[in-house]
Amino acid sequence: MKLYQLSLLLILFLYACSNQGLSPEEAAQQTCKCMKLSKDTSEEGVKAFTDCNANTREMMADYREDEEWMNEWKEELMKTLKDCMSE
């Protein structure tokens, strides 16, 4: 679990350091990762989900007012959810 959290933090760090903006596809994948974490109801699992969710919200903060971007994210999320929740 710690390795997974470390890799998630590394991914978030790479996103933060990237010169490119966050794509709706990347945000949907990140949301999927958080949803997978939500399945673990242990104390550690809840904390991992909470941290992941907070990081995702922070990553997406600059795009919340961009209606087109948010619509694309919602579309990507719906595509991603089918595969995401079946894993």
C-alpha atoms as a PDB file:
ATOM      1  CA  MET A   1       0.000   0.000   0.000  1.00  0.00           C
ATOM      2  CA  LYS A   2       2.827   2.395   0.806  1.00  0.00           C
ATOM      3  CA  LEU A   3       4.441   1.690  -2.557  1.00  0.00           C
ATOM      4  CA  TYR A   4       1.143   2.496  -4.243  1.00  0.00           C
ATOM      5  CA  GLN A   5       0.842   5.756  -2.297  1.00  0.00           C
ATOM      6  CA  LEU A   6       4.418   6.672  -3.130  1.00  0.00           C
ATOM      7  CA  SER A   7       3.830   6.043  -6.824  1.00  0.00           C
ATOM      8  CA  LEU A   8       0.638   8.108  -6.665  1.00  0.00           C
ATOM      9  CA  LEU A   9       2.523  10.995  -5.079  1.00  0.00           C
ATOM     10  CA  LEU A  10       5.222  10.691  -7.724  1.00  0.00           C
ATOM     11  CA  ILE A  11       2.600  10.896 -10.459  1.00  0.00           C
ATOM     12  CA  LEU A  12       1.074  13.954  -8.819  1.00  0.00           C
ATOM     13  CA  PHE A  13       4.512  15.545  -8.537  1.00  0.00           C
ATOM     14  CA  LEU A  14       5.170  14.931 -12.220  1.00  0.00           C
ATOM     15  CA  TYR A  15       1.833  16.506 -13.096  1.00  0.00           C
ATOM     16  CA  ALA A  16       2.689  19.529 -10.983  1.00  0.00           C
ATOM     17  CA  CYS A  17       6.081  19.919 -12.651  1.00  0.00           C
ATOM     18  CA  SER A  18       4.759  19.517 -16.155  1.00  0.00           C
ATOM     19  CA  ASN A  19       4.611  22.584 -18.366  1.00  0.00           C
ATOM     20  CA  GLN A  20       1.481  21.258 -20.007  1.00  0.00           C
ATOM     21  CA  GLY A  21      -1.911  21.694 -18.430  1.00  0.00           C
ATOM     22  CA  LEU A  22      -3.898  18.854 -16.998  1.00  0.00           C
ATOM     23  CA  SER A  23      -5.944  17.066 -19.618  1.00  0.00           C
ATOM     24  CA  PRO A  24      -9.474  15.849 -18.902  1.00  0.00           C
ATOM     25  CA  GLU A  25      -8.254  12.296 -19.611  1.00  0.00           C
ATOM     26  CA  GLU A  26      -5.510  12.557 -16.979  1.00  0.00           C
ATOM     27  CA  ALA A  27      -7.960  13.968 -14.462  1.00  0.00           C
ATOM     28  CA  ALA A  28     -10.407  11.131 -15.156  1.00  0.00           C
ATOM     29  CA  GLN A  29      -7.651   8.557 -14.604  1.00  0.00           C
ATOM     30  CA  GLN A  30      -6.687  10.258 -11.354  1.00  0.00           C
ATOM     31  CA  THR A  31     -10.315  10.228 -10.233  1.00  0.00           C
ATOM     32  CA  CYS A  32     -10.447   6.524 -11.059  1.00  0.00           C
ATOM     33  CA  LYS A  33      -7.419   5.872  -8.847  1.00  0.00           C
ATOM     34  CA  CYS A  34      -9.151   7.607  -5.967  1.00  0.00           C
ATOM     35  CA  MET A  35     -12.331   5.617  -6.534  1.00  0.00           C
ATOM     36  CA  LYS A  36     -10.332   2.389  -6.364  1.00  0.00           C
ATOM     37  CA  LEU A  37      -8.878   3.537  -3.055  1.00  0.00           C
ATOM     38  CA  SER A  38     -12.378   4.131  -1.707  1.00  0.00           C
ATOM     39  CA  LYS A  39     -12.989   0.367  -1.688  1.00  0.00           C
ATOM     40  CA  ASP A  40     -10.568  -0.037   1.238  1.00  0.00           C
ATOM     41  CA  THR A  41     -12.535   0.826   4.380  1.00  0.00           C
ATOM     42  CA  SER A  42      -9.616   0.400   6.766  1.00  0.00           C
ATOM     43  CA  GLU A  43      -8.291   3.488   8.527  1.00  0.00           C
ATOM     44  CA  GLU A  44      -5.269   3.544   6.216  1.00  0.00           C
ATOM     45  CA  GLY A  45      -7.493   3.088   3.172  1.00  0.00           C
ATOM     46  CA  VAL A  46      -9.776   5.938   4.175  1.00  0.00           C
ATOM     47  CA  LYS A  47      -6.761   8.212   4.683  1.00  0.00           C
ATOM     48  CA  ALA A  48      -5.319   7.212   1.297  1.00  0.00           C
ATOM     49  CA  PHE A  49      -8.648   7.982  -0.378  1.00  0.00           C
ATOM     50  CA  THR A  50      -8.982  11.308   1.438  1.00  0.00           C
ATOM     51  CA  ASP A  51      -5.446  12.338   0.441  1.00  0.00           C
ATOM     52  CA  CYS A  52      -5.997  11.223  -3.142  1.00  0.00           C
ATOM     53  CA  ASN A  53      -9.289  13.082  -3.353  1.00  0.00           C
ATOM     54  CA  ALA A  54      -7.732  16.270  -1.947  1.00  0.00           C
ATOM     55  CA  ASN A  55      -4.873  16.050  -4.447  1.00  0.00           C
ATOM     56  CA  THR A  56      -7.299  15.503  -7.307  1.00  0.00           C
ATOM     57  CA  ARG A  57      -9.373  18.512  -6.289  1.00  0.00           C
ATOM     58  CA  GLU A  58      -6.219  20.610  -6.102  1.00  0.00           C
ATOM     59  CA  MET A  59      -5.084  19.422  -9.539  1.00  0.00           C
ATOM     60  CA  MET A  60      -8.447  20.315 -11.041  1.00  0.00           C
ATOM     61  CA  ALA A  61      -8.927  23.633  -9.209  1.00  0.00           C
ATOM     62  CA  ASP A  62      -7.756  25.758 -12.133  1.00  0.00           C
ATOM     63  CA  TYR A  63     -10.273  24.093 -14.445  1.00  0.00           C
ATOM     64  CA  ARG A  64     -13.448  24.238 -12.316  1.00  0.00           C
ATOM     65  CA  GLU A  65     -14.633  27.437 -14.013  1.00  0.00           C
ATOM     66  CA  ASP A  66     -13.836  26.124 -17.507  1.00  0.00           C
ATOM     67  CA  GLU A  67     -17.172  24.660 -18.584  1.00  0.00           C
ATOM     68  CA  GLU A  68     -15.794  23.047 -21.743  1.00  0.00           C
ATOM     69  CA  TRP A  69     -12.924  21.369 -19.869  1.00  0.00           C
ATOM     70  CA  MET A  70     -15.267  20.116 -17.139  1.00  0.00           C
ATOM     71  CA  ASN A  71     -17.662  18.681 -19.729  1.00  0.00           C
ATOM     72  CA  GLU A  72     -14.779  16.858 -21.398  1.00  0.00           C
ATOM     73  CA  TRP A  73     -13.658  15.558 -17.994  1.00  0.00           C
ATOM     74  CA  LYS A  74     -17.158  14.259 -17.249  1.00  0.00           C
ATOM     75  CA  GLU A  75     -17.260  12.477 -20.613  1.00  0.00           C
ATOM     76  CA  GLU A  76     -13.839  10.914 -20.022  1.00  0.00           C
ATOM     77  CA  LEU A  77     -14.804   9.935 -16.495  1.00  0.00           C
ATOM     78  CA  MET A  78     -17.918   8.144 -17.719  1.00  0.00           C
ATOM     79  CA  LYS A  79     -15.794   6.230 -20.264  1.00  0.00           C
ATOM     80  CA  THR A  80     -13.214   5.424 -17.607  1.00  0.00           C
ATOM     81  CA  LEU A  81     -15.680   4.344 -14.916  1.00  0.00           C
ATOM     82  CA  LYS A  82     -16.698   1.151 -16.655  1.00  0.00           C
ATOM     83  CA  ASP A  83     -13.127  -0.149 -16.720  1.00  0.00           C
ATOM     84  CA  CYS A  84     -12.141   1.500 -13.467  1.00  0.00           C
ATOM     85  CA  MET A  85     -14.698  -0.108 -11.216  1.00  0.00           C
ATOM     86  CA  SER A  86     -14.400  -3.549 -12.793  1.00  0.00           C
ATOM     87  CA  GLU A  87     -10.700  -3.858 -11.891  1.00  0.00           C
END
